[in-house]
Amino acid sequence: MTDNPIGFGLLPEDDEGDEWFKMTLTNDKGDELSVEDTWSYLSDYIVSVEIIDFVADKEE
């Protein structure tokens, strides 16, 4: 399996009220791909999801 580090961030809404995101994908050679798109298209970019950690809520 190949790791694809992602730099992900939310951008401000545009004048039409659409929410935006940005992400930078980096491969093992250091090549980068930058993407900015509306939140509604985020699922088009997701290939897989990996849970790397879990922290349970503390009981009060």
N, C-alpha and C. Protein backbone atom coordinates (compact mmCIF):
# COMPACT_ATOMS: atom_id res chain seq x y z
N MET A 1 0.84 -1.18 0.00
CA MET A 1 0.00 0.00 0.00
C MET A 1 0.88 1.24 0.00
N THR A 2 0.49 2.25 -0.73
CA THR A 2 1.27 3.48 -0.83
C THR A 2 0.60 4.58 -0.01
N ASP A 3 1.39 5.28 0.79
CA ASP A 3 0.87 6.41 1.54
C ASP A 3 0.79 7.63 0.64
N ASN A 4 -0.27 8.39 0.76
CA ASN A 4 -0.45 9.64 0.03
C ASN A 4 -0.75 10.74 1.04
N PRO A 5 0.27 11.39 1.57
CA PRO A 5 0.02 12.47 2.53
C PRO A 5 -0.83 13.57 1.90
N ILE A 6 -1.76 14.08 2.68
CA ILE A 6 -2.69 15.09 2.19
C ILE A 6 -2.61 16.32 3.08
N GLY A 7 -2.42 17.47 2.47
CA GLY A 7 -2.58 18.73 3.19
C GLY A 7 -3.98 19.23 2.88
N PHE A 8 -4.86 19.22 3.89
CA PHE A 8 -6.27 19.52 3.66
C PHE A 8 -6.67 20.75 4.46
N GLY A 9 -7.47 21.62 3.86
CA GLY A 9 -7.96 22.79 4.57
C GLY A 9 -9.27 23.29 4.00
N LEU A 10 -10.02 23.98 4.83
CA LEU A 10 -11.28 24.58 4.40
C LEU A 10 -11.03 26.02 3.98
N LEU A 11 -11.72 26.45 2.95
CA LEU A 11 -11.62 27.82 2.45
C LEU A 11 -12.93 28.55 2.75
N PRO A 12 -12.93 29.87 2.73
CA PRO A 12 -14.16 30.62 3.00
C PRO A 12 -15.23 30.36 1.93
N GLU A 13 -16.47 30.61 2.31
CA GLU A 13 -17.57 30.51 1.35
C GLU A 13 -17.42 31.56 0.27
N ASP A 14 -17.90 31.23 -0.93
CA ASP A 14 -17.89 32.22 -2.00
C ASP A 14 -19.17 33.07 -1.92
N ASP A 15 -19.34 33.98 -2.87
CA ASP A 15 -20.48 34.89 -2.86
C ASP A 15 -21.82 34.18 -3.02
N GLU A 16 -21.80 32.97 -3.60
CA GLU A 16 -23.04 32.19 -3.77
C GLU A 16 -23.33 31.31 -2.56
N GLY A 17 -22.46 31.33 -1.55
CA GLY A 17 -22.67 30.52 -0.35
C GLY A 17 -22.10 29.13 -0.44
N ASP A 18 -21.35 28.81 -1.50
CA ASP A 18 -20.73 27.50 -1.62
C ASP A 18 -19.50 27.42 -0.73
N GLU A 19 -19.36 26.31 0.00
CA GLU A 19 -18.18 26.08 0.82
C GLU A 19 -17.10 25.45 -0.04
N TRP A 20 -15.84 25.83 0.18
CA TRP A 20 -14.71 25.36 -0.61
C TRP A 20 -13.69 24.66 0.27
N PHE A 21 -12.90 23.78 -0.35
CA PHE A 21 -11.79 23.13 0.34
C PHE A 21 -10.58 23.16 -0.57
N LYS A 22 -9.42 22.93 0.03
CA LYS A 22 -8.19 22.79 -0.75
C LYS A 22 -7.44 21.59 -0.20
N MET A 23 -6.68 20.95 -1.05
CA MET A 23 -5.83 19.85 -0.60
C MET A 23 -4.63 19.74 -1.52
N THR A 24 -3.55 19.29 -0.94
CA THR A 24 -2.33 19.05 -1.68
C THR A 24 -1.93 17.60 -1.47
N LEU A 25 -1.89 16.83 -2.54
CA LEU A 25 -1.50 15.43 -2.49
C LEU A 25 -0.03 15.33 -2.87
N THR A 26 0.73 14.53 -2.12
CA THR A 26 2.16 14.36 -2.39
C THR A 26 2.46 12.88 -2.55
N ASN A 27 3.14 12.51 -3.64
CA ASN A 27 3.50 11.10 -3.82
C ASN A 27 4.89 10.84 -3.24
N ASP A 28 5.35 9.59 -3.33
CA ASP A 28 6.62 9.21 -2.73
C ASP A 28 7.83 9.82 -3.43
N LYS A 29 7.64 10.42 -4.61
CA LYS A 29 8.72 11.09 -5.32
C LYS A 29 8.78 12.58 -4.98
N GLY A 30 7.82 13.04 -4.17
CA GLY A 30 7.77 14.46 -3.81
C GLY A 30 6.97 15.32 -4.76
N ASP A 31 6.36 14.70 -5.78
CA ASP A 31 5.51 15.45 -6.71
C ASP A 31 4.24 15.85 -5.99
N GLU A 32 3.76 17.08 -6.24
CA GLU A 32 2.56 17.57 -5.59
C GLU A 32 1.45 17.85 -6.60
N LEU A 33 0.22 17.60 -6.17
CA LEU A 33 -0.96 17.95 -6.93
C LEU A 33 -1.84 18.79 -6.02
N SER A 34 -2.14 20.02 -6.42
CA SER A 34 -2.99 20.90 -5.62
C SER A 34 -4.38 20.96 -6.23
N VAL A 35 -5.40 20.91 -5.36
CA VAL A 35 -6.79 20.93 -5.79
C VAL A 35 -7.55 21.93 -4.92
N GLU A 36 -8.38 22.75 -5.55
CA GLU A 36 -9.37 23.57 -4.85
C GLU A 36 -10.70 23.32 -5.54
N ASP A 37 -11.73 23.03 -4.73
CA ASP A 37 -13.04 22.73 -5.31
C ASP A 37 -14.10 22.99 -4.25
N THR A 38 -15.36 22.93 -4.68
CA THR A 38 -16.45 23.12 -3.72
C THR A 38 -16.66 21.85 -2.90
N TRP A 39 -17.15 22.05 -1.68
CA TRP A 39 -17.35 20.96 -0.73
C TRP A 39 -18.21 19.85 -1.33
N SER A 40 -19.16 20.20 -2.18
CA SER A 40 -20.07 19.20 -2.75
C SER A 40 -19.34 18.18 -3.63
N TYR A 41 -18.13 18.50 -4.11
CA TYR A 41 -17.37 17.57 -4.95
C TYR A 41 -16.30 16.79 -4.19
N LEU A 42 -16.20 16.98 -2.88
CA LEU A 42 -15.15 16.30 -2.11
C LEU A 42 -15.21 14.79 -2.28
N SER A 43 -16.40 14.21 -2.28
CA SER A 43 -16.52 12.75 -2.39
C SER A 43 -15.96 12.22 -3.71
N ASP A 44 -15.90 13.05 -4.74
CA ASP A 44 -15.32 12.62 -6.02
C ASP A 44 -13.82 12.37 -5.93
N TYR A 45 -13.17 12.95 -4.92
CA TYR A 45 -11.72 12.83 -4.77
C TYR A 45 -11.32 11.73 -3.79
N ILE A 46 -12.25 11.23 -3.00
CA ILE A 46 -11.92 10.24 -1.97
C ILE A 46 -11.82 8.85 -2.61
N VAL A 47 -10.66 8.22 -2.45
CA VAL A 47 -10.43 6.88 -2.97
C VAL A 47 -10.61 5.86 -1.87
N SER A 48 -10.08 6.17 -0.69
CA SER A 48 -10.25 5.29 0.46
C SER A 48 -10.05 6.10 1.73
N VAL A 49 -10.48 5.53 2.84
CA VAL A 49 -10.32 6.15 4.15
C VAL A 49 -9.67 5.14 5.07
N GLU A 50 -8.67 5.58 5.82
CA GLU A 50 -7.98 4.70 6.76
C GLU A 50 -8.03 5.34 8.14
N ILE A 51 -8.55 4.63 9.13
CA ILE A 51 -8.55 5.12 10.51
C ILE A 51 -7.21 4.77 11.11
N ILE A 52 -6.46 5.79 11.53
CA ILE A 52 -5.11 5.54 12.05
C ILE A 52 -5.04 5.64 13.56
N ASP A 53 -6.08 6.17 14.20
CA ASP A 53 -6.07 6.30 15.65
C ASP A 53 -7.49 6.49 16.13
N PHE A 54 -7.72 6.11 17.38
CA PHE A 54 -9.02 6.30 18.00
C PHE A 54 -8.79 6.69 19.44
N VAL A 55 -9.42 7.77 19.87
CA VAL A 55 -9.34 8.20 21.26
C VAL A 55 -10.76 8.31 21.77
N ALA A 56 -11.08 7.49 22.77
CA ALA A 56 -12.42 7.49 23.34
C ALA A 56 -12.62 8.74 24.18
N ASP A 57 -13.87 9.23 24.23
CA ASP A 57 -14.19 10.35 25.11
C ASP A 57 -13.99 9.93 26.55
N LYS A 58 -13.51 10.87 27.35
CA LYS A 58 -13.33 10.58 28.78
C LYS A 58 -14.68 10.63 29.47
N GLU A 59 -14.90 9.68 30.37
CA GLU A 59 -16.13 9.66 31.16
C GLU A 59 -16.07 10.81 32.16
N GLU A 60 -17.19 11.50 32.34
CA GLU A 60 -17.22 12.60 33.32
C GLU A 60 -17.82 12.13 34.60
